[in-house]
């Protein structure tokens, strides 16, 4: 499973197409929930094109790091996982019209990226995504696909199709990483055992959990996460 498919398109072109047109058709979900689809906004589409054209404009395969699903203040706005509007402008060099607020998970992710050698170096090797590429709201509050059993069941076929489509971008299938060692990993691992997306799936702590509950241990945890990416076991 380690080889990559032959495709003349650059990684940037494939991922932009994925976000614009390649995500499987949204399925019906329980009435209490609504979808977050960043691509409904033309400015978000512009930012996605600029970001991936800047950092993924090559044919290199990437190792994937999967979060849960987009939230309304980060990827739900910018279209780029774990990248809020402020970081997109100040660190990635892509100006945008969105309200410049930080998102906790994004702060940790970009500290991690800097510790791994910087944005350009990191993104030449890794592709950060989400297990479910679209997010959810309930009563105008962020929620995760696993917060409700009926929601999780409804979106599972959508997640499976999205995963296969993302693999075709040019992902390394020998190993992938899962942000979230609890419910996200348990669900992802079950799917991976059944569908064999990746030979090895390595769980890592979720950035929001670190920033909210383990901030005093942040540097130690980050060192462990850096080691996991540099030497997967």
C-alpha atoms as a PDB file:
ATOM      1  CA  UNK A   1       0.000   0.000   0.000  1.00  0.00           C
ATOM      2  CA  UNK A   2       3.018   2.325   0.226  1.00  0.00           C
ATOM      3  CA  UNK A   3       3.229   3.326  -3.442  1.00  0.00           C
ATOM      4  CA  UNK A   4       1.479   6.348  -4.866  1.00  0.00           C
ATOM      5  CA  UNK A   5      -0.787   6.417  -7.835  1.00  0.00           C
ATOM      6  CA  UNK A   6       0.526   7.889 -11.072  1.00  0.00           C
ATOM      7  CA  UNK A   7      -1.137  11.228 -11.660  1.00  0.00           C
ATOM      8  CA  UNK A   8       0.255  14.161 -13.618  1.00  0.00           C
ATOM      9  CA  UNK A   9      -1.610  16.752 -11.544  1.00  0.00           C
ATOM     10  CA  UNK A  10       0.244  18.503  -8.747  1.00  0.00           C
ATOM     11  CA  UNK A  11      -0.787  17.831  -5.158  1.00  0.00           C
ATOM     12  CA  UNK A  12      -2.089  21.396  -4.924  1.00  0.00           C
ATOM     13  CA  UNK A  13      -4.370  20.941  -7.935  1.00  0.00           C
ATOM     14  CA  UNK A  14      -5.768  17.691  -6.601  1.00  0.00           C
ATOM     15  CA  UNK A  15      -6.471  19.004  -3.109  1.00  0.00           C
ATOM     16  CA  UNK A  16      -8.113  22.183  -4.428  1.00  0.00           C
ATOM     17  CA  UNK A  17     -10.317  20.035  -6.650  1.00  0.00           C
ATOM     18  CA  UNK A  18     -11.130  17.839  -3.653  1.00  0.00           C
ATOM     19  CA  UNK A  19     -12.352  20.769  -1.581  1.00  0.00           C
ATOM     20  CA  UNK A  20     -14.178  22.393  -4.493  1.00  0.00           C
ATOM     21  CA  UNK A  21     -15.784  19.382  -6.182  1.00  0.00           C
ATOM     22  CA  UNK A  22     -14.343  16.093  -4.932  1.00  0.00           C
ATOM     23  CA  UNK A  23     -15.998  15.843  -1.529  1.00  0.00           C
ATOM     24  CA  UNK A  24     -18.816  13.303  -1.833  1.00  0.00           C
ATOM     25  CA  UNK A  25     -22.327  14.686  -1.922  1.00  0.00           C
ATOM     26  CA  UNK A  26     -23.517  15.655   1.519  1.00  0.00           C
ATOM     27  CA  UNK A  27     -25.876  13.119   3.047  1.00  0.00           C
ATOM     28  CA  UNK A  28     -29.019  13.658   5.066  1.00  0.00           C
ATOM     29  CA  UNK A  29     -28.243  14.138   8.749  1.00  0.00           C
ATOM     30  CA  UNK A  30     -30.531  14.349  11.817  1.00  0.00           C
ATOM     31  CA  UNK A  31     -32.649  17.503  11.912  1.00  0.00           C
ATOM     32  CA  UNK A  32     -30.915  18.828  15.046  1.00  0.00           C
ATOM     33  CA  UNK A  33     -27.689  19.285  13.073  1.00  0.00           C
ATOM     34  CA  UNK A  34     -26.540  21.351  10.123  1.00  0.00           C
ATOM     35  CA  UNK A  35     -23.431  21.132   7.958  1.00  0.00           C
ATOM     36  CA  UNK A  36     -20.482  23.523   8.026  1.00  0.00           C
ATOM     37  CA  UNK A  37     -19.258  23.741   4.431  1.00  0.00           C
ATOM     38  CA  UNK A  38     -16.480  26.347   4.112  1.00  0.00           C
ATOM     39  CA  UNK A  39     -16.624  26.166   0.313  1.00  0.00           C
ATOM     40  CA  UNK A  40     -19.958  27.990   0.348  1.00  0.00           C
ATOM     41  CA  UNK A  41     -17.928  31.222   0.634  1.00  0.00           C
ATOM     42  CA  UNK A  42     -16.045  32.649  -2.368  1.00  0.00           C
ATOM     43  CA  UNK A  43     -13.375  34.270  -0.174  1.00  0.00           C
ATOM     44  CA  UNK A  44     -12.740  30.909   1.479  1.00  0.00           C
ATOM     45  CA  UNK A  45     -12.301  29.319  -1.948  1.00  0.00           C
ATOM     46  CA  UNK A  46      -9.768  32.020  -2.820  1.00  0.00           C
ATOM     47  CA  UNK A  47      -7.827  31.388   0.394  1.00  0.00           C
ATOM     48  CA  UNK A  48      -7.816  27.618  -0.150  1.00  0.00           C
ATOM     49  CA  UNK A  49      -6.454  28.073  -3.680  1.00  0.00           C
ATOM     50  CA  UNK A  50      -3.764  30.484  -2.455  1.00  0.00           C
ATOM     51  CA  UNK A  51      -2.692  28.296   0.468  1.00  0.00           C
ATOM     52  CA  UNK A  52      -2.389  24.995  -1.365  1.00  0.00           C
ATOM     53  CA  UNK A  53      -0.828  26.614  -4.426  1.00  0.00           C
ATOM     54  CA  UNK A  54       1.815  28.158  -2.154  1.00  0.00           C
ATOM     55  CA  UNK A  55       2.714  25.125  -0.046  1.00  0.00           C
ATOM     56  CA  UNK A  56       1.719  22.049  -2.073  1.00  0.00           C
ATOM     57  CA  UNK A  57       2.696  23.018  -5.628  1.00  0.00           C
ATOM     58  CA  UNK A  58       4.591  19.795  -6.420  1.00  0.00           C
ATOM     59  CA  UNK A  59       4.123  16.076  -6.983  1.00  0.00           C
ATOM     60  CA  UNK A  60       5.391  14.931  -3.576  1.00  0.00           C
ATOM     61  CA  UNK A  61       3.340  12.358  -1.673  1.00  0.00           C
ATOM     62  CA  UNK A  62       2.374  13.433   1.856  1.00  0.00           C
ATOM     63  CA  UNK A  63       1.820  11.673   5.160  1.00  0.00           C
ATOM     64  CA  UNK A  64      -1.614  12.543   6.495  1.00  0.00           C
ATOM     65  CA  UNK A  65      -2.573  13.885   9.915  1.00  0.00           C
ATOM     66  CA  UNK A  66      -6.320  13.678  10.513  1.00  0.00           C
ATOM     67  CA  UNK A  67      -8.298  15.792  12.950  1.00  0.00           C
ATOM     68  CA  UNK A  68     -12.000  15.359  13.697  1.00  0.00           C
ATOM     69  CA  UNK A  69     -14.031  17.789  11.592  1.00  0.00           C
ATOM     70  CA  UNK A  70     -13.861  21.546  10.870  1.00  0.00           C
ATOM     71  CA  UNK A  71     -15.043  24.024  13.478  1.00  0.00           C
ATOM     72  CA  UNK A  72     -16.730  27.315  12.712  1.00  0.00           C
ATOM     73  CA  UNK A  73     -13.832  29.548  13.864  1.00  0.00           C
ATOM     74  CA  UNK A  74     -10.931  27.754  12.177  1.00  0.00           C
ATOM     75  CA  UNK A  75     -11.247  25.568   9.098  1.00  0.00           C
ATOM     76  CA  UNK A  76     -14.944  26.394   8.971  1.00  0.00           C
ATOM     77  CA  UNK A  77     -13.892  29.928   8.018  1.00  0.00           C
ATOM     78  CA  UNK A  78     -10.594  29.536   6.154  1.00  0.00           C
ATOM     79  CA  UNK A  79     -11.238  26.111   4.607  1.00  0.00           C
ATOM     80  CA  UNK A  80      -7.796  24.976   5.802  1.00  0.00           C
ATOM     81  CA  UNK A  81      -7.633  22.501   8.717  1.00  0.00           C
ATOM     82  CA  UNK A  82      -6.289  23.931  11.984  1.00  0.00           C
ATOM     83  CA  UNK A  83      -5.607  27.301  10.347  1.00  0.00           C
ATOM     84  CA  UNK A  84      -7.534  30.290  11.681  1.00  0.00           C
ATOM     85  CA  UNK A  85      -7.784  33.643   9.846  1.00  0.00           C
ATOM     86  CA  UNK A  86      -5.100  35.333  11.968  1.00  0.00           C
ATOM     87  CA  UNK A  87      -2.547  32.573  11.466  1.00  0.00           C
ATOM     88  CA  UNK A  88      -3.430  32.345   7.776  1.00  0.00           C
ATOM     89  CA  UNK A  89      -2.498  36.012   7.364  1.00  0.00           C
ATOM     90  CA  UNK A  90       0.390  36.413   9.809  1.00  0.00           C
ATOM     91  CA  UNK A  91       2.183  33.070   9.511  1.00  0.00           C
ATOM     92  CA  UNK A  92       1.124  31.699   6.110  1.00  0.00           C
ATOM     93  CA  UNK A  93       1.275  35.067   4.344  1.00  0.00           C
ATOM     94  CA  UNK A  94      -2.223  34.865   2.874  1.00  0.00           C
ATOM     95  CA  UNK A  95      -4.325  37.959   3.467  1.00  0.00           C
ATOM     96  CA  UNK A  96      -8.010  37.405   4.074  1.00  0.00           C
ATOM     97  CA  UNK A  97     -11.082  39.453   5.004  1.00  0.00           C
ATOM     98  CA  UNK A  98     -12.142  37.281   7.939  1.00  0.00           C
ATOM     99  CA  UNK A  99     -12.295  38.399  11.568  1.00  0.00           C
ATOM    100  CA  UNK A 100      -8.745  37.967  12.903  1.00  0.00           C
ATOM    101  CA  UNK A 101      -9.275  35.775  15.910  1.00  0.00           C
ATOM    102  CA  UNK A 102      -7.076  32.973  17.169  1.00  0.00           C
ATOM    103  CA  UNK A 103      -8.338  29.428  17.570  1.00  0.00           C
ATOM    104  CA  UNK A 104      -6.708  27.354  20.330  1.00  0.00           C
ATOM    105  CA  UNK A 105      -6.001  24.266  18.258  1.00  0.00           C
ATOM    106  CA  UNK A 106      -4.477  26.357  15.476  1.00  0.00           C
ATOM    107  CA  UNK A 107      -2.061  28.021  17.916  1.00  0.00           C
ATOM    108  CA  UNK A 108      -0.697  24.656  19.008  1.00  0.00           C
ATOM    109  CA  UNK A 109      -0.550  23.227  15.489  1.00  0.00           C
ATOM    110  CA  UNK A 110       1.533  26.103  14.167  1.00  0.00           C
ATOM    111  CA  UNK A 111       3.902  25.982  17.144  1.00  0.00           C
ATOM    112  CA  UNK A 112       4.299  22.279  16.324  1.00  0.00           C
ATOM    113  CA  UNK A 113       4.886  23.087  12.654  1.00  0.00           C
ATOM    114  CA  UNK A 114       7.554  25.671  13.529  1.00  0.00           C
ATOM    115  CA  UNK A 115       9.276  23.140  15.797  1.00  0.00           C
ATOM    116  CA  UNK A 116       9.302  20.671  12.907  1.00  0.00           C
ATOM    117  CA  UNK A 117      11.287  23.053  10.708  1.00  0.00           C
ATOM    118  CA  UNK A 118       8.764  25.668   9.622  1.00  0.00           C
ATOM    119  CA  UNK A 119       5.703  25.890   7.430  1.00  0.00           C
ATOM    120  CA  UNK A 120       7.290  25.248   4.030  1.00  0.00           C
ATOM    121  CA  UNK A 121       9.351  22.293   5.265  1.00  0.00           C
ATOM    122  CA  UNK A 122       6.453  20.753   7.182  1.00  0.00           C
ATOM    123  CA  UNK A 123       3.916  20.929   4.369  1.00  0.00           C
ATOM    124  CA  UNK A 124       6.325  19.344   1.895  1.00  0.00           C
ATOM    125  CA  UNK A 125       6.033  16.189   3.993  1.00  0.00           C
ATOM    126  CA  UNK A 126       2.648  16.323   5.733  1.00  0.00           C
ATOM    127  CA  UNK A 127      -0.974  16.982   4.821  1.00  0.00           C
ATOM    128  CA  UNK A 128      -3.291  17.989   7.660  1.00  0.00           C
ATOM    129  CA  UNK A 129      -6.916  17.097   7.097  1.00  0.00           C
ATOM    130  CA  UNK A 130     -10.020  15.940   8.958  1.00  0.00           C
ATOM    131  CA  UNK A 131     -11.579  12.532   9.224  1.00  0.00           C
ATOM    132  CA  UNK A 132     -14.833  14.230   8.249  1.00  0.00           C
ATOM    133  CA  UNK A 133     -13.952  17.092   5.858  1.00  0.00           C
ATOM    134  CA  UNK A 134     -17.110  19.047   6.656  1.00  0.00           C
ATOM    135  CA  UNK A 135     -18.188  20.190  10.118  1.00  0.00           C
ATOM    136  CA  UNK A 136     -21.420  20.377  12.072  1.00  0.00           C
ATOM    137  CA  UNK A 137     -23.457  22.804  14.130  1.00  0.00           C
ATOM    138  CA  UNK A 138     -26.236  22.155  16.573  1.00  0.00           C
ATOM    139  CA  UNK A 139     -28.027  25.146  18.121  1.00  0.00           C
ATOM    140  CA  UNK A 140     -25.291  27.283  16.510  1.00  0.00           C
ATOM    141  CA  UNK A 141     -22.591  25.474  18.496  1.00  0.00           C
ATOM    142  CA  UNK A 142     -19.748  23.370  17.068  1.00  0.00           C
ATOM    143  CA  UNK A 143     -20.113  19.636  17.432  1.00  0.00           C
ATOM    144  CA  UNK A 144     -18.167  16.567  16.402  1.00  0.00           C
ATOM    145  CA  UNK A 145     -19.410  13.726  14.216  1.00  0.00           C
ATOM    146  CA  UNK A 146     -19.196  11.337  17.199  1.00  0.00           C
ATOM    147  CA  UNK A 147     -21.178  13.515  19.625  1.00  0.00           C
ATOM    148  CA  UNK A 148     -24.414  11.885  18.522  1.00  0.00           C
ATOM    149  CA  UNK A 149     -24.768   8.216  17.531  1.00  0.00           C
ATOM    150  CA  UNK A 150     -27.392   8.941  14.878  1.00  0.00           C
ATOM    151  CA  UNK A 151     -25.204  11.659  13.361  1.00  0.00           C
ATOM    152  CA  UNK A 152     -22.181   9.357  13.363  1.00  0.00           C
ATOM    153  CA  UNK A 153     -24.126   6.573  11.666  1.00  0.00           C
ATOM    154  CA  UNK A 154     -25.515   8.971   9.050  1.00  0.00           C
ATOM    155  CA  UNK A 155     -22.118  10.382   8.068  1.00  0.00           C
ATOM    156  CA  UNK A 156     -20.073   7.159   8.130  1.00  0.00           C
ATOM    157  CA  UNK A 157     -20.572   6.410   4.387  1.00  0.00           C
ATOM    158  CA  UNK A 158     -19.665  10.039   3.656  1.00  0.00           C
ATOM    159  CA  UNK A 159     -16.479   9.716   5.741  1.00  0.00           C
ATOM    160  CA  UNK A 160     -15.463   6.468   4.031  1.00  0.00           C
ATOM    161  CA  UNK A 161     -15.904   7.935   0.538  1.00  0.00           C
ATOM    162  CA  UNK A 162     -14.046  11.096   1.555  1.00  0.00           C
ATOM    163  CA  UNK A 163     -11.156   9.057   2.919  1.00  0.00           C
ATOM    164  CA  UNK A 164     -10.686   7.133  -0.324  1.00  0.00           C
ATOM    165  CA  UNK A 165     -10.809  10.406  -2.265  1.00  0.00           C
ATOM    166  CA  UNK A 166      -8.177  11.951   0.001  1.00  0.00           C
ATOM    167  CA  UNK A 167      -5.908   8.919  -0.383  1.00  0.00           C
ATOM    168  CA  UNK A 168      -6.017   9.485  -4.137  1.00  0.00           C
ATOM    169  CA  UNK A 169      -4.507  12.945  -3.611  1.00  0.00           C
ATOM    170  CA  UNK A 170      -1.189  11.184  -3.135  1.00  0.00           C
ATOM    171  CA  UNK A 171      -1.088  10.113   0.511  1.00  0.00           C
ATOM    172  CA  UNK A 172       1.489   7.781   1.999  1.00  0.00           C
ATOM    173  CA  UNK A 173      -0.503   4.675   2.912  1.00  0.00           C
ATOM    174  CA  UNK A 174       2.157   3.082   5.110  1.00  0.00           C
ATOM    175  CA  UNK A 175       1.274   5.365   8.050  1.00  0.00           C
ATOM    176  CA  UNK A 176      -1.189   8.089   9.060  1.00  0.00           C
ATOM    177  CA  UNK A 177      -1.732  10.030  12.273  1.00  0.00           C
ATOM    178  CA  UNK A 178      -4.953  10.684  14.181  1.00  0.00           C
ATOM    179  CA  UNK A 179      -5.362  13.798  16.329  1.00  0.00           C
ATOM    180  CA  UNK A 180      -7.485  12.695  19.259  1.00  0.00           C
ATOM    181  CA  UNK A 181      -6.563   9.567  21.206  1.00  0.00           C
ATOM    182  CA  UNK A 182     -10.094   8.934  22.455  1.00  0.00           C
ATOM    183  CA  UNK A 183     -13.291   8.787  20.418  1.00  0.00           C
ATOM    184  CA  UNK A 184     -11.744  10.020  17.166  1.00  0.00           C
ATOM    185  CA  UNK A 185      -9.042   7.350  17.221  1.00  0.00           C
ATOM    186  CA  UNK A 186     -11.421   4.573  18.329  1.00  0.00           C
ATOM    187  CA  UNK A 187     -13.777   5.311  15.441  1.00  0.00           C
ATOM    188  CA  UNK A 188     -11.002   5.868  12.872  1.00  0.00           C
ATOM    189  CA  UNK A 189      -9.166   2.713  13.943  1.00  0.00           C
ATOM    190  CA  UNK A 190     -12.320   0.622  13.544  1.00  0.00           C
ATOM    191  CA  UNK A 191     -12.837   1.992  10.024  1.00  0.00           C
ATOM    192  CA  UNK A 192      -9.176   1.483   9.173  1.00  0.00           C
ATOM    193  CA  UNK A 193      -9.221  -2.143  10.307  1.00  0.00           C
ATOM    194  CA  UNK A 194     -12.213  -2.771   8.074  1.00  0.00           C
ATOM    195  CA  UNK A 195     -11.195  -0.782   4.993  1.00  0.00           C
ATOM    196  CA  UNK A 196      -7.376  -0.872   5.229  1.00  0.00           C
ATOM    197  CA  UNK A 197      -6.859   2.786   4.379  1.00  0.00           C
ATOM    198  CA  UNK A 198      -3.422   2.785   6.019  1.00  0.00           C
ATOM    199  CA  UNK A 199      -1.035   0.079   7.179  1.00  0.00           C
ATOM    200  CA  UNK A 200      -0.446   1.850  10.481  1.00  0.00           C
ATOM    201  CA  UNK A 201      -2.554   4.436  12.319  1.00  0.00           C
ATOM    202  CA  UNK A 202      -0.833   6.348  15.129  1.00  0.00           C
ATOM    203  CA  UNK A 203      -2.903   8.303  17.691  1.00  0.00           C
ATOM    204  CA  UNK A 204      -1.716  11.688  18.939  1.00  0.00           C
ATOM    205  CA  UNK A 205      -3.271  14.030  21.538  1.00  0.00           C
ATOM    206  CA  UNK A 206      -5.735  16.533  20.125  1.00  0.00           C
ATOM    207  CA  UNK A 207      -4.437  20.132  20.191  1.00  0.00           C
ATOM    208  CA  UNK A 208      -7.547  21.529  21.870  1.00  0.00           C
ATOM    209  CA  UNK A 209      -7.293  18.972  24.680  1.00  0.00           C
ATOM    210  CA  UNK A 210      -3.647  19.929  25.176  1.00  0.00           C
ATOM    211  CA  UNK A 211      -4.358  23.669  25.232  1.00  0.00           C
ATOM    212  CA  UNK A 212      -7.372  23.386  27.545  1.00  0.00           C
ATOM    213  CA  UNK A 213      -6.287  20.675  29.966  1.00  0.00           C
ATOM    214  CA  UNK A 214      -2.534  20.046  29.661  1.00  0.00           C
ATOM    215  CA  UNK A 215      -1.056  23.450  28.872  1.00  0.00           C
ATOM    216  CA  UNK A 216       1.573  23.150  31.605  1.00  0.00           C
ATOM    217  CA  UNK A 217       2.833  19.996  29.877  1.00  0.00           C
ATOM    218  CA  UNK A 218       2.544  21.456  26.370  1.00  0.00           C
ATOM    219  CA  UNK A 219       6.270  21.492  25.596  1.00  0.00           C
ATOM    220  CA  UNK A 220       6.781  17.907  26.724  1.00  0.00           C
ATOM    221  CA  UNK A 221       3.756  16.709  24.742  1.00  0.00           C
ATOM    222  CA  UNK A 222       4.948  18.601  21.678  1.00  0.00           C
ATOM    223  CA  UNK A 223       8.367  16.946  21.923  1.00  0.00           C
ATOM    224  CA  UNK A 224       6.653  13.561  22.012  1.00  0.00           C
ATOM    225  CA  UNK A 225       4.541  14.476  18.981  1.00  0.00           C
ATOM    226  CA  UNK A 226       7.605  15.655  17.063  1.00  0.00           C
ATOM    227  CA  UNK A 227       9.309  12.348  17.822  1.00  0.00           C
ATOM    228  CA  UNK A 228       6.240  10.428  16.645  1.00  0.00           C
ATOM    229  CA  UNK A 229       6.304  12.199  13.261  1.00  0.00           C
ATOM    230  CA  UNK A 230      10.046  11.813  12.813  1.00  0.00           C
ATOM    231  CA  UNK A 231      10.146   8.167  13.830  1.00  0.00           C
ATOM    232  CA  UNK A 232       6.722   6.492  13.588  1.00  0.00           C
ATOM    233  CA  UNK A 233       6.425   3.345  15.707  1.00  0.00           C
END
